[in-house]
Amino acid sequence: MKCPKCQSMETKVIDSRVIEDGQSIRRRRECEFCNNRFTTFERKWFTELMVIKKDGSKEMYDREKLKRALMLACVKREMDKEEIENIINNLEAERSTDKNEISSKQIGDDILKALKNIDPVAYVRFASVYKSFDNLEDFKKYVE
């Protein structure tokens, strides 16, 4: 692992901890050249998972894209980043045993299902974008 301060490749692991219910590993490292300490995170990567879009096109699964959408739905809500990470981790854990493809509709439905139990406002916000609400009546119908 390259040191972010001096760019040396000579670093050593000082401490490792399993985090996010075993989905990630946090490592403290130290550069053997400049003694700078830094943290790295390791996570299982879903490179083989393809997302089938509404128009039929396919793209690689992008965890950060999903995280941004969730964070946007949760702006000014009592939900922290760790809770958002847990939602995504749980969904990825479910998908790890499935096929190599998933529809964007299934991802959206799974997120809505998770948000419904956690934060009703974030749930409606996410639904408004995911379901493409056009007016106030769409909101009313969905909330009812």
N, C-alpha and C. Protein backbone atom coordinates (compact mmCIF):
# COMPACT_ATOMS: atom_id res chain seq x y z
N MET A 1 0.85 -1.17 0.00
CA MET A 1 0.00 0.00 0.00
C MET A 1 0.89 1.24 0.00
N LYS A 2 0.61 2.16 -0.87
CA LYS A 2 1.43 3.36 -1.02
C LYS A 2 1.12 4.38 0.08
N CYS A 3 2.16 4.95 0.68
CA CYS A 3 2.01 5.98 1.71
C CYS A 3 1.44 7.25 1.07
N PRO A 4 0.37 7.82 1.64
CA PRO A 4 -0.20 9.04 1.06
C PRO A 4 0.68 10.28 1.23
N LYS A 5 1.63 10.22 2.15
CA LYS A 5 2.49 11.37 2.40
C LYS A 5 3.74 11.38 1.51
N CYS A 6 4.47 10.27 1.48
CA CYS A 6 5.73 10.25 0.74
C CYS A 6 5.69 9.35 -0.50
N GLN A 7 4.60 8.62 -0.71
CA GLN A 7 4.40 7.74 -1.86
C GLN A 7 5.26 6.47 -1.82
N SER A 8 5.90 6.19 -0.69
CA SER A 8 6.70 4.97 -0.56
C SER A 8 5.79 3.76 -0.54
N MET A 9 6.24 2.67 -1.13
CA MET A 9 5.48 1.42 -1.13
C MET A 9 5.81 0.55 0.08
N GLU A 10 6.76 0.99 0.88
CA GLU A 10 7.18 0.21 2.06
C GLU A 10 6.34 0.62 3.26
N THR A 11 5.22 -0.07 3.46
CA THR A 11 4.35 0.19 4.61
C THR A 11 4.07 -1.13 5.32
N LYS A 12 3.72 -1.03 6.59
CA LYS A 12 3.38 -2.24 7.34
C LYS A 12 2.06 -2.04 8.06
N VAL A 13 1.36 -3.14 8.28
CA VAL A 13 0.09 -3.11 8.99
C VAL A 13 0.37 -3.14 10.48
N ILE A 14 -0.22 -2.17 11.21
CA ILE A 14 -0.06 -2.09 12.66
C ILE A 14 -1.23 -2.76 13.37
N ASP A 15 -2.44 -2.56 12.82
CA ASP A 15 -3.65 -3.07 13.46
C ASP A 15 -4.70 -3.36 12.40
N SER A 16 -5.45 -4.43 12.57
CA SER A 16 -6.56 -4.77 11.68
C SER A 16 -7.79 -5.05 12.51
N ARG A 17 -8.94 -4.53 12.05
CA ARG A 17 -10.20 -4.77 12.73
C ARG A 17 -11.30 -5.04 11.71
N VAL A 18 -12.13 -6.01 12.03
CA VAL A 18 -13.29 -6.30 11.20
C VAL A 18 -14.39 -5.31 11.59
N ILE A 19 -15.00 -4.68 10.59
CA ILE A 19 -16.06 -3.70 10.83
C ILE A 19 -17.26 -4.01 9.94
N GLU A 20 -18.34 -3.27 10.16
CA GLU A 20 -19.56 -3.39 9.35
C GLU A 20 -20.05 -4.83 9.28
N ASP A 21 -20.18 -5.45 10.45
CA ASP A 21 -20.68 -6.82 10.54
C ASP A 21 -19.90 -7.80 9.68
N GLY A 22 -18.60 -7.63 9.64
CA GLY A 22 -17.75 -8.56 8.90
C GLY A 22 -17.67 -8.29 7.41
N GLN A 23 -18.23 -7.20 6.95
CA GLN A 23 -18.23 -6.88 5.52
C GLN A 23 -16.97 -6.13 5.09
N SER A 24 -16.25 -5.54 6.05
CA SER A 24 -15.07 -4.74 5.74
C SER A 24 -13.98 -4.97 6.79
N ILE A 25 -12.77 -4.59 6.42
CA ILE A 25 -11.64 -4.64 7.35
C ILE A 25 -10.99 -3.26 7.37
N ARG A 26 -10.77 -2.73 8.56
CA ARG A 26 -10.08 -1.45 8.75
C ARG A 26 -8.65 -1.78 9.17
N ARG A 27 -7.69 -1.20 8.47
CA ARG A 27 -6.29 -1.45 8.79
C ARG A 27 -5.56 -0.13 9.08
N ARG A 28 -4.82 -0.10 10.19
CA ARG A 28 -3.92 1.02 10.48
C ARG A 28 -2.56 0.60 9.94
N ARG A 29 -1.96 1.50 9.18
CA ARG A 29 -0.68 1.22 8.55
C ARG A 29 0.33 2.29 8.93
N GLU A 30 1.60 1.93 8.81
CA GLU A 30 2.68 2.87 9.06
C GLU A 30 3.71 2.76 7.95
N CYS A 31 4.11 3.92 7.45
CA CYS A 31 5.14 3.95 6.42
C CYS A 31 6.49 3.69 7.06
N GLU A 32 7.25 2.77 6.50
CA GLU A 32 8.56 2.45 7.04
C GLU A 32 9.62 3.48 6.65
N PHE A 33 9.29 4.36 5.73
CA PHE A 33 10.23 5.38 5.28
C PHE A 33 10.06 6.68 6.09
N CYS A 34 8.82 7.20 6.18
CA CYS A 34 8.61 8.50 6.86
C CYS A 34 7.85 8.37 8.18
N ASN A 35 7.46 7.15 8.57
CA ASN A 35 6.72 6.86 9.81
C ASN A 35 5.32 7.46 9.86
N ASN A 36 4.79 7.90 8.72
CA ASN A 36 3.42 8.41 8.66
C ASN A 36 2.45 7.26 8.90
N ARG A 37 1.41 7.54 9.69
CA ARG A 37 0.37 6.53 9.93
C ARG A 37 -0.89 6.90 9.17
N PHE A 38 -1.55 5.90 8.60
CA PHE A 38 -2.78 6.14 7.86
C PHE A 38 -3.68 4.91 7.94
N THR A 39 -4.93 5.10 7.57
CA THR A 39 -5.93 4.03 7.65
C THR A 39 -6.39 3.62 6.26
N THR A 40 -6.56 2.33 6.06
CA THR A 40 -7.12 1.82 4.81
C THR A 40 -8.32 0.94 5.16
N PHE A 41 -9.20 0.78 4.18
CA PHE A 41 -10.37 -0.07 4.35
C PHE A 41 -10.42 -1.06 3.21
N GLU A 42 -10.74 -2.30 3.53
CA GLU A 42 -10.88 -3.34 2.52
C GLU A 42 -12.32 -3.83 2.54
N ARG A 43 -12.90 -3.97 1.36
CA ARG A 43 -14.29 -4.41 1.24
C ARG A 43 -14.40 -5.37 0.07
N LYS A 44 -15.27 -6.33 0.20
CA LYS A 44 -15.54 -7.25 -0.91
C LYS A 44 -16.12 -6.43 -2.06
N TRP A 45 -15.62 -6.66 -3.25
CA TRP A 45 -16.02 -5.86 -4.41
C TRP A 45 -16.94 -6.69 -5.29
N PHE A 46 -18.06 -6.10 -5.71
CA PHE A 46 -19.03 -6.79 -6.54
C PHE A 46 -18.80 -6.42 -8.00
N THR A 47 -17.66 -6.79 -8.52
CA THR A 47 -17.33 -6.43 -9.90
C THR A 47 -18.17 -7.19 -10.91
N GLU A 48 -18.64 -8.36 -10.53
CA GLU A 48 -19.38 -9.17 -11.48
C GLU A 48 -20.87 -8.81 -11.55
N LEU A 49 -21.35 -7.96 -10.67
CA LEU A 49 -22.77 -7.64 -10.62
C LEU A 49 -23.12 -6.57 -11.66
N MET A 50 -24.00 -6.94 -12.58
CA MET A 50 -24.47 -6.02 -13.61
C MET A 50 -25.88 -5.55 -13.26
N VAL A 51 -26.13 -4.26 -13.49
CA VAL A 51 -27.44 -3.68 -13.25
C VAL A 51 -28.13 -3.49 -14.60
N ILE A 52 -29.34 -4.01 -14.69
CA ILE A 52 -30.14 -3.86 -15.90
C ILE A 52 -31.06 -2.65 -15.70
N LYS A 53 -30.84 -1.63 -16.51
CA LYS A 53 -31.59 -0.38 -16.39
C LYS A 53 -32.98 -0.52 -16.99
N LYS A 54 -33.84 0.49 -16.77
CA LYS A 54 -35.22 0.47 -17.29
C LYS A 54 -35.26 0.34 -18.80
N ASP A 55 -34.31 0.97 -19.47
CA ASP A 55 -34.30 0.93 -20.94
C ASP A 55 -33.67 -0.35 -21.51
N GLY A 56 -33.26 -1.26 -20.63
CA GLY A 56 -32.67 -2.52 -21.07
C GLY A 56 -31.15 -2.51 -21.14
N SER A 57 -30.55 -1.34 -21.05
CA SER A 57 -29.09 -1.27 -21.08
C SER A 57 -28.52 -1.81 -19.76
N LYS A 58 -27.24 -2.14 -19.78
CA LYS A 58 -26.59 -2.70 -18.60
C LYS A 58 -25.40 -1.84 -18.21
N GLU A 59 -25.17 -1.77 -16.90
CA GLU A 59 -23.97 -1.09 -16.40
C GLU A 59 -23.49 -1.83 -15.15
N MET A 60 -22.23 -1.63 -14.83
CA MET A 60 -21.66 -2.27 -13.65
C MET A 60 -22.30 -1.68 -12.39
N TYR A 61 -22.49 -2.52 -11.39
CA TYR A 61 -23.00 -2.08 -10.10
C TYR A 61 -22.03 -1.05 -9.51
N ASP A 62 -22.58 0.05 -9.00
CA ASP A 62 -21.77 1.13 -8.45
C ASP A 62 -22.25 1.45 -7.04
N ARG A 63 -21.53 0.97 -6.05
CA ARG A 63 -21.90 1.18 -4.65
C ARG A 63 -21.99 2.66 -4.31
N GLU A 64 -21.05 3.46 -4.81
CA GLU A 64 -21.03 4.89 -4.49
C GLU A 64 -22.25 5.62 -5.06
N LYS A 65 -22.71 5.21 -6.21
CA LYS A 65 -23.90 5.81 -6.82
C LYS A 65 -25.13 5.55 -5.93
N LEU A 66 -25.24 4.34 -5.45
CA LEU A 66 -26.34 3.98 -4.56
C LEU A 66 -26.23 4.73 -3.23
N LYS A 67 -25.03 4.86 -2.73
CA LYS A 67 -24.80 5.58 -1.47
C LYS A 67 -25.18 7.05 -1.61
N ARG A 68 -24.81 7.68 -2.73
CA ARG A 68 -25.17 9.09 -2.97
C ARG A 68 -26.69 9.27 -2.99
N ALA A 69 -27.39 8.37 -3.64
CA ALA A 69 -28.85 8.45 -3.72
C ALA A 69 -29.47 8.33 -2.33
N LEU A 70 -28.97 7.41 -1.53
CA LEU A 70 -29.47 7.25 -0.17
C LEU A 70 -29.17 8.46 0.70
N MET A 71 -27.97 8.99 0.58
CA MET A 71 -27.59 10.17 1.37
C MET A 71 -28.45 11.37 0.99
N LEU A 72 -28.78 11.51 -0.27
CA LEU A 72 -29.63 12.59 -0.72
C LEU A 72 -31.03 12.46 -0.11
N ALA A 73 -31.54 11.25 -0.06
CA ALA A 73 -32.86 11.01 0.53
C ALA A 73 -32.87 11.26 2.04
N CYS A 74 -31.71 11.16 2.66
CA CYS A 74 -31.61 11.28 4.12
C CYS A 74 -31.07 12.63 4.59
N VAL A 75 -30.98 13.60 3.71
CA VAL A 75 -30.46 14.92 4.09
C VAL A 75 -31.31 15.50 5.21
N LYS A 76 -30.66 16.01 6.25
CA LYS A 76 -31.30 16.64 7.41
C LYS A 76 -32.24 15.69 8.16
N ARG A 77 -31.94 14.40 8.09
CA ARG A 77 -32.70 13.41 8.84
C ARG A 77 -31.79 12.85 9.93
N GLU A 78 -32.36 12.14 10.87
CA GLU A 78 -31.60 11.56 11.99
C GLU A 78 -30.97 10.22 11.61
N MET A 79 -30.39 10.16 10.42
CA MET A 79 -29.76 8.93 9.97
C MET A 79 -28.29 9.22 9.69
N ASP A 80 -27.41 8.46 10.31
CA ASP A 80 -25.99 8.70 10.10
C ASP A 80 -25.43 7.85 8.96
N LYS A 81 -24.21 8.15 8.56
CA LYS A 81 -23.58 7.45 7.44
C LYS A 81 -23.43 5.95 7.69
N GLU A 82 -23.22 5.60 8.95
CA GLU A 82 -23.05 4.19 9.28
C GLU A 82 -24.35 3.40 9.02
N GLU A 83 -25.48 4.02 9.31
CA GLU A 83 -26.76 3.37 9.06
C GLU A 83 -26.98 3.17 7.55
N ILE A 84 -26.58 4.17 6.77
CA ILE A 84 -26.68 4.05 5.31
C ILE A 84 -25.77 2.94 4.80
N GLU A 85 -24.55 2.88 5.34
CA GLU A 85 -23.61 1.81 4.97
C GLU A 85 -24.20 0.45 5.31
N ASN A 86 -24.86 0.35 6.47
CA ASN A 86 -25.46 -0.93 6.87
C ASN A 86 -26.57 -1.37 5.92
N ILE A 87 -27.38 -0.41 5.46
CA ILE A 87 -28.43 -0.73 4.49
C ILE A 87 -27.81 -1.33 3.23
N ILE A 88 -26.79 -0.65 2.72
CA ILE A 88 -26.13 -1.11 1.50
C ILE A 88 -25.43 -2.45 1.73
N ASN A 89 -24.75 -2.60 2.87
CA ASN A 89 -24.08 -3.87 3.19
C ASN A 89 -25.06 -5.03 3.23
N ASN A 90 -26.21 -4.81 3.86
CA ASN A 90 -27.22 -5.86 3.95
C ASN A 90 -27.73 -6.26 2.57
N LEU A 91 -27.98 -5.26 1.73
CA LEU A 91 -28.46 -5.56 0.38
C LEU A 91 -27.39 -6.29 -0.44
N GLU A 92 -26.14 -5.87 -0.30
CA GLU A 92 -25.06 -6.54 -1.03
C GLU A 92 -24.87 -7.97 -0.53
N ALA A 93 -25.03 -8.19 0.77
CA ALA A 93 -24.90 -9.54 1.32
C ALA A 93 -25.98 -10.45 0.74
N GLU A 94 -27.19 -9.92 0.60
CA GLU A 94 -28.28 -10.70 -0.01
C GLU A 94 -27.96 -11.02 -1.47
N ARG A 95 -27.37 -10.07 -2.17
CA ARG A 95 -27.08 -10.24 -3.60
C ARG A 95 -25.89 -11.14 -3.86
N SER A 96 -25.02 -11.31 -2.88
CA SER A 96 -23.79 -12.07 -3.12
C SER A 96 -24.08 -13.53 -3.46
N THR A 97 -25.25 -14.03 -3.12
CA THR A 97 -25.59 -15.41 -3.44
C THR A 97 -26.49 -15.51 -4.67
N ASP A 98 -26.94 -14.38 -5.18
CA ASP A 98 -27.82 -14.35 -6.34
C ASP A 98 -27.03 -14.47 -7.64
N LYS A 99 -27.74 -14.26 -8.73
CA LYS A 99 -27.11 -14.27 -10.06
C LYS A 99 -26.19 -13.06 -10.23
N ASN A 100 -25.60 -12.94 -11.40
CA ASN A 100 -24.68 -11.84 -11.68
C ASN A 100 -25.37 -10.59 -12.19
N GLU A 101 -26.70 -10.63 -12.34
CA GLU A 101 -27.44 -9.47 -12.83
C GLU A 101 -28.60 -9.16 -11.90
N ILE A 102 -28.92 -7.87 -11.82
CA ILE A 102 -30.06 -7.42 -11.03
C ILE A 102 -30.66 -6.21 -11.75
N SER A 103 -31.95 -6.06 -11.67
CA SER A 103 -32.59 -4.91 -12.31
C SER A 103 -32.52 -3.70 -11.40
N SER A 104 -32.47 -2.52 -11.99
CA SER A 104 -32.47 -1.30 -11.19
C SER A 104 -33.78 -1.20 -10.41
N LYS A 105 -34.85 -1.77 -10.96
CA LYS A 105 -36.14 -1.79 -10.26
C LYS A 105 -36.03 -2.59 -8.96
N GLN A 106 -35.36 -3.73 -9.01
CA GLN A 106 -35.20 -4.55 -7.80
C GLN A 106 -34.37 -3.82 -6.75
N ILE A 107 -33.31 -3.14 -7.19
CA ILE A 107 -32.48 -2.38 -6.26
C ILE A 107 -33.33 -1.30 -5.60
N GLY A 108 -34.09 -0.56 -6.40
CA GLY A 108 -34.95 0.51 -5.87
C GLY A 108 -35.98 -0.03 -4.90
N ASP A 109 -36.60 -1.15 -5.25
CA ASP A 109 -37.60 -1.76 -4.36
C ASP A 109 -36.98 -2.20 -3.04
N ASP A 110 -35.78 -2.77 -3.11
CA ASP A 110 -35.09 -3.21 -1.90
C ASP A 110 -34.74 -2.02 -1.00
N ILE A 111 -34.29 -0.92 -1.59
CA ILE A 111 -33.97 0.28 -0.82
C ILE A 111 -35.23 0.83 -0.17
N LEU A 112 -36.32 0.89 -0.93
CA LEU A 112 -37.59 1.38 -0.37
C LEU A 112 -38.04 0.52 0.81
N LYS A 113 -37.90 -0.78 0.67
CA LYS A 113 -38.30 -1.70 1.74
C LYS A 113 -37.48 -1.43 3.00
N ALA A 114 -36.18 -1.21 2.84
CA ALA A 114 -35.31 -0.94 3.99
C ALA A 114 -35.62 0.42 4.62
N LEU A 115 -35.83 1.44 3.79
CA LEU A 115 -36.10 2.79 4.30
C LEU A 115 -37.45 2.89 4.99
N LYS A 116 -38.41 2.14 4.52
CA LYS A 116 -39.76 2.21 5.09
C LYS A 116 -39.75 1.90 6.58
N ASN A 117 -38.91 0.98 6.99
CA ASN A 117 -38.82 0.58 8.39
C ASN A 117 -37.95 1.50 9.23
N ILE A 118 -37.14 2.33 8.58
CA ILE A 118 -36.18 3.16 9.31
C ILE A 118 -36.61 4.62 9.40
N ASP A 119 -36.98 5.22 8.26
CA ASP A 119 -37.29 6.64 8.22
C ASP A 119 -38.34 6.91 7.15
N PRO A 120 -39.58 7.21 7.55
CA PRO A 120 -40.65 7.41 6.56
C PRO A 120 -40.44 8.61 5.64
N VAL A 121 -39.77 9.65 6.12
CA VAL A 121 -39.52 10.82 5.27
C VAL A 121 -38.48 10.48 4.20
N ALA A 122 -37.40 9.83 4.59
CA ALA A 122 -36.38 9.41 3.62
C ALA A 122 -37.00 8.42 2.62
N TYR A 123 -37.91 7.60 3.10
CA TYR A 123 -38.61 6.65 2.25
C TYR A 123 -39.38 7.37 1.14
N VAL A 124 -40.14 8.40 1.50
CA VAL A 124 -40.93 9.15 0.51
C VAL A 124 -40.00 9.94 -0.41
N ARG A 125 -38.93 10.50 0.13
CA ARG A 125 -37.97 11.23 -0.71
C ARG A 125 -37.36 10.32 -1.77
N PHE A 126 -36.90 9.14 -1.33
CA PHE A 126 -36.29 8.21 -2.28
C PHE A 126 -37.33 7.76 -3.31
N ALA A 127 -38.54 7.48 -2.84
CA ALA A 127 -39.61 7.04 -3.74
C ALA A 127 -39.94 8.10 -4.77
N SER A 128 -39.89 9.37 -4.38
CA SER A 128 -40.25 10.45 -5.30
C SER A 128 -39.31 10.50 -6.51
N VAL A 129 -38.04 10.18 -6.30
CA VAL A 129 -37.08 10.15 -7.40
C VAL A 129 -37.18 8.81 -8.13
N TYR A 130 -37.20 7.73 -7.37
CA TYR A 130 -37.23 6.39 -7.95
C TYR A 130 -38.50 6.14 -8.77
N LYS A 131 -39.62 6.61 -8.27
CA LYS A 131 -40.91 6.40 -8.96
C LYS A 131 -41.25 7.56 -9.91
N SER A 132 -40.36 8.55 -10.01
CA SER A 132 -40.52 9.70 -10.91
C SER A 132 -41.83 10.45 -10.68
N PHE A 133 -42.03 10.91 -9.44
CA PHE A 133 -43.23 11.70 -9.14
C PHE A 133 -43.20 12.99 -9.95
N ASP A 134 -44.34 13.33 -10.55
CA ASP A 134 -44.43 14.54 -11.36
C ASP A 134 -45.13 15.70 -10.66
N ASN A 135 -46.00 15.38 -9.71
CA ASN A 135 -46.77 16.44 -9.05
C ASN A 135 -47.16 16.02 -7.64
N LEU A 136 -47.86 16.91 -6.98
CA LEU A 136 -48.27 16.68 -5.60
C LEU A 136 -49.21 15.48 -5.47
N GLU A 137 -50.02 15.26 -6.46
CA GLU A 137 -50.96 14.13 -6.43
C GLU A 137 -50.22 12.79 -6.38
N ASP A 138 -49.09 12.71 -7.06
CA ASP A 138 -48.28 11.49 -7.02
C ASP A 138 -47.80 11.21 -5.58
N PHE A 139 -47.39 12.27 -4.88
CA PHE A 139 -46.97 12.13 -3.51
C PHE A 139 -48.12 11.64 -2.64
N LYS A 140 -49.26 12.26 -2.80
CA LYS A 140 -50.44 11.90 -1.99
C LYS A 140 -50.83 10.44 -2.20
N LYS A 141 -50.86 10.00 -3.44
CA LYS A 141 -51.22 8.61 -3.76
C LYS A 141 -50.24 7.64 -3.10
N TYR A 142 -48.96 7.97 -3.19
CA TYR A 142 -47.94 7.05 -2.66
C TYR A 142 -47.98 6.98 -1.15
N VAL A 143 -48.18 8.13 -0.49
CA VAL A 143 -48.21 8.16 0.97
C VAL A 143 -49.43 7.39 1.49
N GLU A 144 -50.55 7.53 0.79
CA GLU A 144 -51.77 6.81 1.21
C GLU A 144 -51.61 5.33 0.97
